[in-house]
Amino acid sequence: MEKKKSTNGIPFGDHFFKERLMETYKIDWKDVIYGTIEIVAENGLDAENKLMNMSLKELLEKSSTGSDKIDREIRFVSPGDFFEPMTNEEWDEKKRYF
């Protein structure tokens, strides 16, 4: 009697793997964000100076922020521990294989 090969799972050559292991992907991205902040100041120049001297972290924490998501893009992807980082173009070509 011939054994039937399992066709359930993930194909790899003549074999099928039942478990899909999770991998960590490091993604370098960029986006255009905008925000609104209320600053208490003596005048407009003082308010602008306070804004421009805030760290990015402080600015983001104290602001109401948003993004239109139109300009969001992936710059680089490192797909796990065994692969070199890929550009966005390389990732687009190969992401379905990971």
Protein backbone atom coordinates (compact mmCIF):
# COMPACT_ATOMS: atom_id res chain seq x y z
CA MET A 1 0.00 0.00 0.00
CA GLU A 2 1.40 3.40 -1.03
CA LYS A 3 1.44 6.22 1.54
CA LYS A 4 -0.31 9.39 0.53
CA LYS A 5 1.70 12.55 0.85
CA SER A 6 0.11 15.23 2.98
CA THR A 7 -0.90 18.33 1.09
CA ASN A 8 -1.91 20.28 4.20
CA GLY A 9 0.52 22.95 5.29
CA ILE A 10 3.25 24.98 3.69
CA PRO A 11 4.87 23.50 0.56
CA PHE A 12 8.66 23.29 0.44
CA GLY A 13 9.94 21.15 -2.39
CA ASP A 14 8.28 17.73 -2.05
CA HIS A 15 7.42 18.34 1.62
CA PHE A 16 4.72 20.20 3.49
CA PHE A 17 5.25 21.88 6.84
CA LYS A 18 2.24 22.08 9.12
CA GLU A 19 3.49 24.88 11.36
CA ARG A 20 4.23 28.37 10.25
CA LEU A 21 6.96 29.86 12.36
CA MET A 22 6.79 33.55 13.13
CA GLU A 23 9.75 35.75 12.20
CA THR A 24 10.69 39.25 13.29
CA TYR A 25 10.84 41.81 10.49
CA LYS A 26 12.65 45.09 11.09
CA ILE A 27 11.03 47.73 8.88
CA ASP A 28 12.52 51.17 8.29
CA TRP A 29 9.68 53.47 7.24
CA LYS A 30 8.94 57.12 6.67
CA ASP A 31 5.75 59.12 6.66
CA VAL A 32 4.66 62.73 6.60
CA ILE A 33 2.88 63.60 9.83
CA TYR A 34 1.17 66.78 10.95
CA GLY A 35 0.08 68.02 14.33
CA THR A 36 -1.59 70.66 16.41
CA ILE A 37 -0.23 71.88 19.71
CA GLU A 38 -1.33 74.55 22.18
CA ILE A 39 1.54 76.62 23.58
CA VAL A 40 1.22 79.25 26.28
CA ALA A 41 3.51 82.14 25.39
CA GLU A 42 3.94 85.91 25.79
CA ASN A 43 3.65 86.51 22.04
CA GLY A 44 3.79 84.79 18.63
CA LEU A 45 7.59 84.89 18.43
CA ASP A 46 7.87 83.28 21.87
CA ALA A 47 5.35 80.58 20.87
CA GLU A 48 7.28 79.80 17.68
CA ASN A 49 10.60 79.65 19.56
CA LYS A 50 9.13 77.24 22.12
CA LEU A 51 7.81 75.04 19.30
CA MET A 52 11.07 75.02 17.35
CA ASN A 53 13.13 74.21 20.48
CA MET A 54 11.07 71.17 21.52
CA SER A 55 12.55 67.73 20.98
CA LEU A 56 10.67 65.55 18.51
CA LYS A 57 9.58 63.28 21.36
CA GLU A 58 8.18 66.19 23.36
CA LEU A 59 6.48 67.66 20.29
CA LEU A 60 4.78 64.34 19.45
CA GLU A 61 3.73 63.72 23.07
CA LYS A 62 2.16 67.18 23.47
CA SER A 63 0.53 67.37 20.04
CA SER A 64 -2.54 65.94 18.44
CA THR A 65 -1.06 64.19 15.38
CA GLY A 66 -2.21 62.58 12.18
CA SER A 67 -1.14 61.41 8.76
CA ASP A 68 -2.88 61.12 5.43
CA LYS A 69 -1.01 57.80 4.89
CA ILE A 70 -0.51 58.72 1.23
CA ASP A 71 3.18 59.42 1.70
CA ARG A 72 3.92 56.39 3.91
CA GLU A 73 6.58 54.18 2.45
CA ILE A 74 8.93 51.39 3.39
CA ARG A 75 12.58 52.31 3.02
CA PHE A 76 14.28 49.04 4.07
CA VAL A 77 13.24 45.64 5.44
CA SER A 78 15.38 43.15 7.37
CA PRO A 79 13.44 39.87 7.11
CA GLY A 80 14.70 37.95 10.12
CA ASP A 81 18.17 37.00 11.30
CA PHE A 82 19.36 35.14 8.22
CA PHE A 83 18.85 37.70 5.47
CA GLU A 84 20.50 40.98 4.54
CA PRO A 85 18.40 44.17 4.66
CA MET A 86 16.48 44.81 1.45
CA THR A 87 15.52 48.04 -0.27
CA ASN A 88 11.85 48.75 -0.86
CA GLU A 89 12.21 47.58 -4.47
CA GLU A 90 13.87 44.30 -3.45
CA TRP A 91 11.22 43.75 -0.77
CA ASP A 92 8.40 44.26 -3.28
CA GLU A 93 9.90 41.57 -5.51
CA LYS A 94 10.58 38.99 -2.78
CA LYS A 95 8.14 39.57 0.11
CA ARG A 96 5.77 36.81 -0.99
CA TYR A 97 8.54 34.25 -0.43
CA PHE A 98 8.95 35.09 3.26
